[in-house]
Amino acid sequence: MPKRTTTLLKEVITLPVKWHFPDSLITRFASNMTIQTLENEFKISFFEAKPEIRVSPTEKIPSEVVAECVASVIVNASKLPSFINALKKHLDAFIEIKNRAVEKPK
């Protein structure tokens, strides 16, 4: 289980983290994201692109696509490197699994 270290009154205490997902949490799909740099944080916003439905190829092509923000989080700059490393680790493992799945038996 992951541990979280906290310093209180010059004493270091390490406690396990109990991850909790509330029943009210809604998981959303994100196809795009933006990152804004603030003073000591990064604001990361996730968007779902929602193109208009066209039922006929003769319909006019829209001039833009709406991307609805489905989540926005602010991350302290000191935490961002560990978040990036965790994402990279999972991406590398995903790619490795996908590559093994498409390899042909010899």
N, C-alpha and C. Protein backbone atom coordinates (compact mmCIF):
# COMPACT_ATOMS: atom_id res chain seq x y z
N MET A 1 0.86 -1.17 0.00
CA MET A 1 0.00 0.00 0.00
C MET A 1 0.90 1.23 0.00
N PRO A 2 0.56 2.26 -0.83
CA PRO A 2 1.37 3.48 -0.85
C PRO A 2 1.41 4.13 0.53
N LYS A 3 2.50 4.80 0.77
CA LYS A 3 2.69 5.49 2.05
C LYS A 3 2.77 6.98 1.81
N ARG A 4 2.30 7.72 2.75
CA ARG A 4 2.37 9.18 2.70
C ARG A 4 3.16 9.63 3.91
N THR A 5 4.21 10.41 3.70
CA THR A 5 5.03 10.90 4.79
C THR A 5 4.64 12.33 5.11
N THR A 6 4.40 12.60 6.38
CA THR A 6 4.02 13.92 6.83
C THR A 6 4.94 14.35 7.96
N THR A 7 5.37 15.60 7.94
CA THR A 7 6.22 16.12 9.00
C THR A 7 5.37 17.01 9.91
N LEU A 8 5.27 16.62 11.17
CA LEU A 8 4.53 17.39 12.16
C LEU A 8 5.46 17.68 13.33
N LEU A 9 5.63 18.94 13.64
CA LEU A 9 6.47 19.34 14.77
C LEU A 9 7.83 18.64 14.76
N LYS A 10 8.46 18.62 13.59
CA LYS A 10 9.79 18.05 13.39
C LYS A 10 9.84 16.54 13.60
N GLU A 11 8.68 15.89 13.62
CA GLU A 11 8.62 14.44 13.73
C GLU A 11 8.07 13.90 12.41
N VAL A 12 8.75 12.92 11.82
CA VAL A 12 8.30 12.36 10.55
C VAL A 12 7.42 11.15 10.84
N ILE A 13 6.22 11.17 10.31
CA ILE A 13 5.27 10.08 10.49
C ILE A 13 4.89 9.56 9.10
N THR A 14 5.00 8.25 8.90
CA THR A 14 4.62 7.63 7.64
C THR A 14 3.36 6.80 7.87
N LEU A 15 2.33 7.13 7.10
CA LEU A 15 1.05 6.45 7.23
C LEU A 15 0.64 5.84 5.89
N PRO A 16 -0.06 4.71 5.92
CA PRO A 16 -0.56 4.16 4.66
C PRO A 16 -1.68 5.05 4.12
N VAL A 17 -1.83 5.06 2.80
CA VAL A 17 -2.89 5.82 2.16
C VAL A 17 -4.03 4.85 1.85
N LYS A 18 -5.22 5.18 2.29
CA LYS A 18 -6.41 4.39 1.97
C LYS A 18 -7.18 5.15 0.89
N TRP A 19 -7.10 4.65 -0.34
CA TRP A 19 -7.74 5.31 -1.47
C TRP A 19 -9.25 5.12 -1.38
N HIS A 20 -10.00 6.21 -1.53
CA HIS A 20 -11.45 6.14 -1.44
C HIS A 20 -12.07 6.77 -2.68
N PHE A 21 -12.95 6.04 -3.33
CA PHE A 21 -13.69 6.55 -4.48
C PHE A 21 -15.15 6.67 -4.05
N PRO A 22 -15.67 7.88 -3.84
CA PRO A 22 -17.06 8.02 -3.39
C PRO A 22 -18.04 7.48 -4.43
N ASP A 23 -19.17 6.99 -3.96
CA ASP A 23 -20.19 6.45 -4.86
C ASP A 23 -20.69 7.50 -5.85
N SER A 24 -20.60 8.75 -5.48
CA SER A 24 -21.08 9.83 -6.34
C SER A 24 -20.09 10.21 -7.45
N LEU A 25 -18.89 9.62 -7.43
CA LEU A 25 -17.87 9.94 -8.43
C LEU A 25 -18.31 9.48 -9.81
N ILE A 26 -18.22 10.36 -10.79
CA ILE A 26 -18.58 10.03 -12.16
C ILE A 26 -17.30 9.95 -12.98
N THR A 27 -17.07 8.82 -13.62
CA THR A 27 -15.92 8.65 -14.49
C THR A 27 -16.30 9.14 -15.88
N ARG A 28 -15.48 10.02 -16.43
CA ARG A 28 -15.77 10.63 -17.73
C ARG A 28 -14.66 10.30 -18.72
N PHE A 29 -15.00 10.34 -19.99
CA PHE A 29 -14.06 10.13 -21.08
C PHE A 29 -13.43 11.47 -21.45
N ALA A 30 -12.13 11.47 -21.66
CA ALA A 30 -11.43 12.69 -22.09
C ALA A 30 -10.63 12.39 -23.35
N SER A 31 -10.83 13.22 -24.36
CA SER A 31 -10.10 13.07 -25.61
C SER A 31 -9.08 14.19 -25.82
N ASN A 32 -9.12 15.20 -24.95
CA ASN A 32 -8.21 16.34 -25.07
C ASN A 32 -7.91 16.89 -23.68
N MET A 33 -6.84 17.63 -23.58
CA MET A 33 -6.53 18.29 -22.31
C MET A 33 -5.75 19.56 -22.55
N THR A 34 -5.82 20.45 -21.56
CA THR A 34 -5.02 21.66 -21.58
C THR A 34 -4.27 21.75 -20.25
N ILE A 35 -3.13 22.41 -20.28
CA ILE A 35 -2.36 22.63 -19.06
C ILE A 35 -2.04 24.11 -18.98
N GLN A 36 -2.40 24.72 -17.85
CA GLN A 36 -2.09 26.12 -17.61
C GLN A 36 -1.09 26.20 -16.47
N THR A 37 -0.07 27.00 -16.63
CA THR A 37 0.93 27.20 -15.59
C THR A 37 0.50 28.37 -14.71
N LEU A 38 0.36 28.09 -13.42
CA LEU A 38 0.03 29.12 -12.45
C LEU A 38 1.31 29.47 -11.70
N GLU A 39 1.21 30.18 -10.60
CA GLU A 39 2.41 30.60 -9.88
C GLU A 39 3.22 29.42 -9.35
N ASN A 40 2.60 28.50 -8.61
CA ASN A 40 3.30 27.34 -8.06
C ASN A 40 2.58 26.03 -8.36
N GLU A 41 1.62 26.10 -9.29
CA GLU A 41 0.83 24.93 -9.62
C GLU A 41 0.58 24.86 -11.12
N PHE A 42 0.03 23.71 -11.50
CA PHE A 42 -0.43 23.53 -12.87
C PHE A 42 -1.92 23.21 -12.82
N LYS A 43 -2.70 23.86 -13.67
CA LYS A 43 -4.12 23.55 -13.78
C LYS A 43 -4.28 22.67 -15.02
N ILE A 44 -4.72 21.43 -14.79
CA ILE A 44 -4.89 20.46 -15.87
C ILE A 44 -6.38 20.26 -16.07
N SER A 45 -6.85 20.56 -17.27
CA SER A 45 -8.27 20.41 -17.59
C SER A 45 -8.42 19.36 -18.68
N PHE A 46 -9.42 18.49 -18.50
CA PHE A 46 -9.68 17.40 -19.43
C PHE A 46 -11.00 17.68 -20.15
N PHE A 47 -11.02 17.40 -21.45
CA PHE A 47 -12.16 17.72 -22.29
C PHE A 47 -12.60 16.52 -23.11
N GLU A 48 -13.89 16.45 -23.37
CA GLU A 48 -14.45 15.46 -24.29
C GLU A 48 -14.94 16.22 -25.52
N ALA A 49 -14.33 15.91 -26.67
CA ALA A 49 -14.77 16.54 -27.92
C ALA A 49 -16.11 15.95 -28.31
N LYS A 50 -17.04 16.83 -28.66
CA LYS A 50 -18.39 16.39 -29.02
C LYS A 50 -18.75 16.96 -30.39
N PRO A 51 -18.29 16.28 -31.44
CA PRO A 51 -18.63 16.79 -32.78
C PRO A 51 -20.12 16.63 -33.06
N GLU A 52 -20.63 17.53 -33.89
CA GLU A 52 -22.03 17.44 -34.28
C GLU A 52 -22.24 16.17 -35.10
N ILE A 53 -23.42 15.59 -34.96
CA ILE A 53 -23.75 14.38 -35.72
C ILE A 53 -24.24 14.80 -37.10
N ARG A 54 -23.64 14.22 -38.11
CA ARG A 54 -24.06 14.45 -39.49
C ARG A 54 -24.61 13.13 -40.02
N VAL A 55 -25.84 13.13 -40.47
CA VAL A 55 -26.45 11.88 -40.96
C VAL A 55 -26.35 11.75 -42.48
N SER A 56 -25.89 12.78 -43.12
CA SER A 56 -25.77 12.75 -44.57
C SER A 56 -24.48 13.46 -44.98
N PRO A 57 -23.77 12.89 -45.96
CA PRO A 57 -22.53 13.55 -46.41
C PRO A 57 -22.79 14.89 -47.09
N THR A 58 -24.02 15.18 -47.42
CA THR A 58 -24.33 16.46 -48.07
C THR A 58 -24.57 17.59 -47.05
N GLU A 59 -24.68 17.22 -45.77
CA GLU A 59 -24.86 18.25 -44.74
C GLU A 59 -23.60 19.10 -44.63
N LYS A 60 -23.81 20.35 -44.30
CA LYS A 60 -22.70 21.28 -44.15
C LYS A 60 -21.76 20.81 -43.03
N ILE A 61 -20.47 20.89 -43.29
CA ILE A 61 -19.46 20.54 -42.28
C ILE A 61 -19.39 21.68 -41.28
N PRO A 62 -19.48 21.38 -39.97
CA PRO A 62 -19.42 22.46 -38.98
C PRO A 62 -18.07 23.17 -39.00
N SER A 63 -18.07 24.40 -38.56
CA SER A 63 -16.84 25.20 -38.56
C SER A 63 -16.01 24.99 -37.30
N GLU A 64 -16.59 24.32 -36.30
CA GLU A 64 -15.85 24.05 -35.06
C GLU A 64 -16.45 22.84 -34.36
N VAL A 65 -15.70 22.30 -33.42
CA VAL A 65 -16.15 21.18 -32.59
C VAL A 65 -16.14 21.64 -31.15
N VAL A 66 -17.21 21.39 -30.43
CA VAL A 66 -17.28 21.76 -29.02
C VAL A 66 -16.56 20.69 -28.20
N ALA A 67 -15.69 21.12 -27.31
CA ALA A 67 -15.01 20.22 -26.37
C ALA A 67 -15.44 20.63 -24.96
N GLU A 68 -16.20 19.75 -24.30
CA GLU A 68 -16.75 20.05 -22.97
C GLU A 68 -15.75 19.65 -21.89
N CYS A 69 -15.49 20.55 -20.94
CA CYS A 69 -14.59 20.24 -19.84
C CYS A 69 -15.29 19.24 -18.92
N VAL A 70 -14.66 18.08 -18.71
CA VAL A 70 -15.25 17.04 -17.86
C VAL A 70 -14.57 16.94 -16.50
N ALA A 71 -13.37 17.54 -16.38
CA ALA A 71 -12.66 17.56 -15.10
C ALA A 71 -11.55 18.59 -15.16
N SER A 72 -11.27 19.18 -14.02
CA SER A 72 -10.19 20.16 -13.92
C SER A 72 -9.55 19.99 -12.55
N VAL A 73 -8.23 19.85 -12.53
CA VAL A 73 -7.51 19.67 -11.27
C VAL A 73 -6.32 20.61 -11.22
N ILE A 74 -5.95 21.00 -10.02
CA ILE A 74 -4.75 21.81 -9.82
C ILE A 74 -3.74 20.95 -9.09
N VAL A 75 -2.54 20.87 -9.65
CA VAL A 75 -1.47 20.03 -9.11
C VAL A 75 -0.30 20.92 -8.72
N ASN A 76 0.20 20.75 -7.50
CA ASN A 76 1.37 21.49 -7.06
C ASN A 76 2.56 21.13 -7.94
N ALA A 77 3.35 22.12 -8.31
CA ALA A 77 4.50 21.90 -9.20
C ALA A 77 5.46 20.84 -8.67
N SER A 78 5.62 20.75 -7.35
CA SER A 78 6.55 19.77 -6.79
C SER A 78 6.05 18.34 -6.96
N LYS A 79 4.75 18.15 -7.14
CA LYS A 79 4.17 16.81 -7.32
C LYS A 79 4.13 16.37 -8.78
N LEU A 80 4.17 17.31 -9.70
CA LEU A 80 4.00 16.98 -11.11
C LEU A 80 5.02 15.97 -11.63
N PRO A 81 6.32 16.06 -11.29
CA PRO A 81 7.27 15.06 -11.80
C PRO A 81 6.89 13.62 -11.42
N SER A 82 6.43 13.39 -10.20
CA SER A 82 6.06 12.03 -9.81
C SER A 82 4.80 11.58 -10.56
N PHE A 83 3.88 12.50 -10.84
CA PHE A 83 2.69 12.16 -11.63
C PHE A 83 3.10 11.78 -13.05
N ILE A 84 4.01 12.56 -13.64
CA ILE A 84 4.48 12.27 -15.00
C ILE A 84 5.19 10.92 -15.03
N ASN A 85 6.03 10.64 -14.03
CA ASN A 85 6.73 9.35 -13.97
C ASN A 85 5.74 8.19 -13.87
N ALA A 86 4.70 8.34 -13.06
CA ALA A 86 3.70 7.28 -12.92
C ALA A 86 2.96 7.06 -14.25
N LEU A 87 2.59 8.15 -14.92
CA LEU A 87 1.92 8.02 -16.22
C LEU A 87 2.83 7.35 -17.24
N LYS A 88 4.10 7.74 -17.25
CA LYS A 88 5.07 7.17 -18.21
C LYS A 88 5.26 5.68 -17.93
N LYS A 89 5.35 5.30 -16.68
CA LYS A 89 5.51 3.88 -16.31
C LYS A 89 4.33 3.06 -16.81
N HIS A 90 3.12 3.57 -16.61
CA HIS A 90 1.93 2.84 -17.06
C HIS A 90 1.81 2.82 -18.58
N LEU A 91 2.20 3.91 -19.24
CA LEU A 91 2.18 3.95 -20.69
C LEU A 91 3.17 2.94 -21.27
N ASP A 92 4.38 2.89 -20.71
CA ASP A 92 5.39 1.93 -21.18
C ASP A 92 4.90 0.49 -21.03
N ALA A 93 4.27 0.18 -19.89
CA ALA A 93 3.75 -1.17 -19.66
C ALA A 93 2.63 -1.49 -20.66
N PHE A 94 1.76 -0.52 -20.91
CA PHE A 94 0.67 -0.69 -21.87
C PHE A 94 1.22 -0.98 -23.26
N ILE A 95 2.21 -0.19 -23.69
CA ILE A 95 2.83 -0.38 -25.01
C ILE A 95 3.48 -1.75 -25.11
N GLU A 96 4.17 -2.16 -24.05
CA GLU A 96 4.83 -3.48 -24.03
C GLU A 96 3.80 -4.60 -24.20
N ILE A 97 2.69 -4.52 -23.50
CA ILE A 97 1.63 -5.53 -23.60
C ILE A 97 1.05 -5.54 -25.02
N LYS A 98 0.79 -4.36 -25.56
CA LYS A 98 0.24 -4.27 -26.91
C LYS A 98 1.21 -4.84 -27.94
N ASN A 99 2.51 -4.55 -27.78
CA ASN A 99 3.51 -5.07 -28.71
C ASN A 99 3.59 -6.59 -28.64
N ARG A 100 3.51 -7.18 -27.46
CA ARG A 100 3.54 -8.63 -27.31
C ARG A 100 2.31 -9.26 -27.94
N ALA A 101 1.18 -8.56 -27.86
CA ALA A 101 -0.07 -9.11 -28.41
C ALA A 101 -0.06 -9.17 -29.93
N VAL A 102 0.68 -8.28 -30.58
CA VAL A 102 0.69 -8.27 -32.05
C VAL A 102 1.86 -9.06 -32.64
N GLU A 103 2.79 -9.53 -31.80
CA GLU A 103 3.90 -10.34 -32.29
C GLU A 103 3.36 -11.66 -32.79
N LYS A 104 3.89 -12.08 -33.92
CA LYS A 104 3.45 -13.35 -34.50
C LYS A 104 4.30 -14.49 -33.92
N PRO A 105 3.67 -15.63 -33.64
CA PRO A 105 4.45 -16.78 -33.14
C PRO A 105 5.41 -17.26 -34.21
N LYS A 106 6.57 -17.74 -33.77
CA LYS A 106 7.58 -18.20 -34.74
C LYS A 106 7.49 -19.69 -34.95
